[in-house]
C-alpha atoms as a PDB file:
ATOM      1  CA  MET A   1      25.268  54.476  63.389  1.00  0.00           C
ATOM      2  CA  GLU A   2      28.907  55.084  61.490  1.00  0.00           C
ATOM      3  CA  PRO A   3      28.377  58.326  59.465  1.00  0.00           C
ATOM      4  CA  ILE A   4      29.588  58.008  55.721  1.00  0.00           C
ATOM      5  CA  PHE A   5      32.548  60.327  54.823  1.00  0.00           C
ATOM      6  CA  PHE A   6      35.396  59.709  52.203  1.00  0.00           C
ATOM      7  CA  VAL A   7      38.693  59.014  52.200  1.00  0.00           C
ATOM      8  CA  MET A   8      41.504  58.900  49.398  1.00  0.00           C
ATOM      9  CA  ALA A   9      43.285  55.823  47.592  1.00  0.00           C
ATOM     10  CA  ILE A  10      46.739  56.946  46.312  1.00  0.00           C
ATOM     11  CA  LEU A  11      47.648  54.072  43.602  1.00  0.00           C
ATOM     12  CA  GLY A  12      50.020  53.314  41.596  1.00  0.00           C
ATOM     13  CA  CYS A  13      50.181  52.961  37.805  1.00  0.00           C
ATOM     14  CA  GLY A  14      52.141  51.227  34.981  1.00  0.00           C
ATOM     15  CA  ASP A  15      53.036  53.751  32.114  1.00  0.00           C
ATOM     16  CA  GLY A  16      49.924  54.804  30.333  1.00  0.00           C
ATOM     17  CA  SER A  17      48.191  54.751  33.498  1.00  0.00           C
ATOM     18  CA  VAL A  18      47.105  50.629  33.346  1.00  0.00           C
ATOM     19  CA  ASP A  19      46.937  47.850  36.279  1.00  0.00           C
ATOM     20  CA  CYS A  20      46.466  50.446  38.606  1.00  0.00           C
ATOM     21  CA  THR A  21      46.935  49.361  42.400  1.00  0.00           C
ATOM     22  CA  GLU A  22      45.726  50.445  45.471  1.00  0.00           C
ATOM     23  CA  ALA A  23      49.040  52.001  47.210  1.00  0.00           C
ATOM     24  CA  ARG A  24      48.206  53.193  50.576  1.00  0.00           C
ATOM     25  CA  ILE A  25      44.913  55.028  51.460  1.00  0.00           C
ATOM     26  CA  VAL A  26      45.742  59.203  52.634  1.00  0.00           C
ATOM     27  CA  PRO A  27      44.942  59.313  56.551  1.00  0.00           C
ATOM     28  CA  VAL A  28      42.357  62.150  56.023  1.00  0.00           C
ATOM     29  CA  ARG A  29      38.473  61.731  56.653  1.00  0.00           C
ATOM     30  CA  TYR A  30      36.474  64.470  54.362  1.00  0.00           C
ATOM     31  CA  GLU A  31      32.839  64.650  54.699  1.00  0.00           C
ATOM     32  CA  THR A  32      31.786  65.178  51.287  1.00  0.00           C
ATOM     33  CA  MET A  33      33.105  63.616  47.969  1.00  0.00           C
ATOM     34  CA  ALA A  34      33.405  67.344  46.892  1.00  0.00           C
ATOM     35  CA  GLN A  35      35.939  68.215  50.063  1.00  0.00           C
ATOM     36  CA  CYS A  36      37.970  64.968  48.689  1.00  0.00           C
ATOM     37  CA  ARG A  37      38.492  66.464  45.084  1.00  0.00           C
ATOM     38  CA  ALA A  38      39.206  69.397  46.038  1.00  0.00           C
ATOM     39  CA  ASP A  39      41.779  68.262  47.939  1.00  0.00           C
ATOM     40  CA  LEU A  40      43.404  65.798  45.073  1.00  0.00           C
ATOM     41  CA  THR A  41      46.107  67.696  43.375  1.00  0.00           C
ATOM     42  CA  GLU A  42      47.500  68.328  47.168  1.00  0.00           C
ATOM     43  CA  ARG A  43      47.529  64.920  48.207  1.00  0.00           C
ATOM     44  CA  LEU A  44      49.024  62.871  44.707  1.00  0.00           C
ATOM     45  CA  ALA A  45      51.888  66.308  46.199  1.00  0.00           C
ATOM     46  CA  ALA A  46      52.489  64.667  49.173  1.00  0.00           C
ATOM     47  CA  ASN A  47      52.757  61.007  47.746  1.00  0.00           C
ATOM     48  CA  THR A  48      55.124  60.495  45.273  1.00  0.00           C
ATOM     49  CA  ASP A  49      57.646  58.659  47.082  1.00  0.00           C
ATOM     50  CA  VAL A  50      54.975  55.618  45.786  1.00  0.00           C
ATOM     51  CA  PRO A  51      57.257  53.287  43.516  1.00  0.00           C
ATOM     52  CA  TYR A  52      55.416  53.619  40.090  1.00  0.00           C
ATOM     53  CA  PRO A  53      55.625  54.986  37.368  1.00  0.00           C
ATOM     54  CA  VAL A  54      52.514  56.467  37.194  1.00  0.00           C
ATOM     55  CA  ILE A  55      50.493  57.835  40.803  1.00  0.00           C
ATOM     56  CA  GLY A  56      47.101  58.948  40.770  1.00  0.00           C
ATOM     57  CA  ALA A  57      44.551  59.116  42.900  1.00  0.00           C
ATOM     58  CA  ASP A  58      40.452  58.286  43.910  1.00  0.00           C
ATOM     59  CA  CYS A  59      37.463  59.291  46.793  1.00  0.00           C
ATOM     60  CA  ARG A  60      35.581  56.728  48.086  1.00  0.00           C
ATOM     61  CA  ARG A  61      32.894  56.874  50.153  1.00  0.00           C
ATOM     62  CA  SER A  62      33.640  54.717  53.414  1.00  0.00           C
ATOM     63  CA  GLY A  63      32.198  53.839  57.233  1.00  0.00           C
ATOM     64  CA  MET A  64      30.025  51.824  58.568  1.00  0.00           C
ATOM     65  CA  LEU A  65      27.164  51.060  55.871  1.00  0.00           C
ATOM     66  CA  VAL A  66      29.714  51.104  53.692  1.00  0.00           C
ATOM     67  CA  ALA A  67      31.300  48.060  55.115  1.00  0.00           C
ATOM     68  CA  LYS A  68      28.240  45.922  55.904  1.00  0.00           C
ATOM     69  CA  ALA A  69      27.639  46.507  52.348  1.00  0.00           C
ATOM     70  CA  GLY A  70      30.124  45.107  51.336  1.00  0.00           C
ATOM     71  CA  HIS A  71      31.044  42.601  53.749  1.00  0.00           C
ATOM     72  CA  LYS A  72      30.319  38.738  52.645  1.00  0.00           C
ATOM     73  CA  SER A  73      29.326  36.213  55.593  1.00  0.00           C
ATOM     74  CA  PRO A  74      31.803  33.515  55.392  1.00  0.00           C
ATOM     75  CA  ARG A  75      28.980  30.517  55.644  1.00  0.00           C
ATOM     76  CA  GLY A  76      28.098  31.670  52.025  1.00  0.00           C
END
């Protein structure tokens, strides 16, 4: 079974940090949420090319268990 890890999503938002949309996923895997959060400032600074007036970031769980939990069968 694949272990759980964390990834960082770079978000593009409208003025006032509303209507945020995932712009990209940073291609780094973190072992803990704390490691991901510690890297937020550096990764935001490296992703200023996102074409939105405001950018943000969000650390998220990823991995096989999360993928299975979110998977819905096409049969219903």
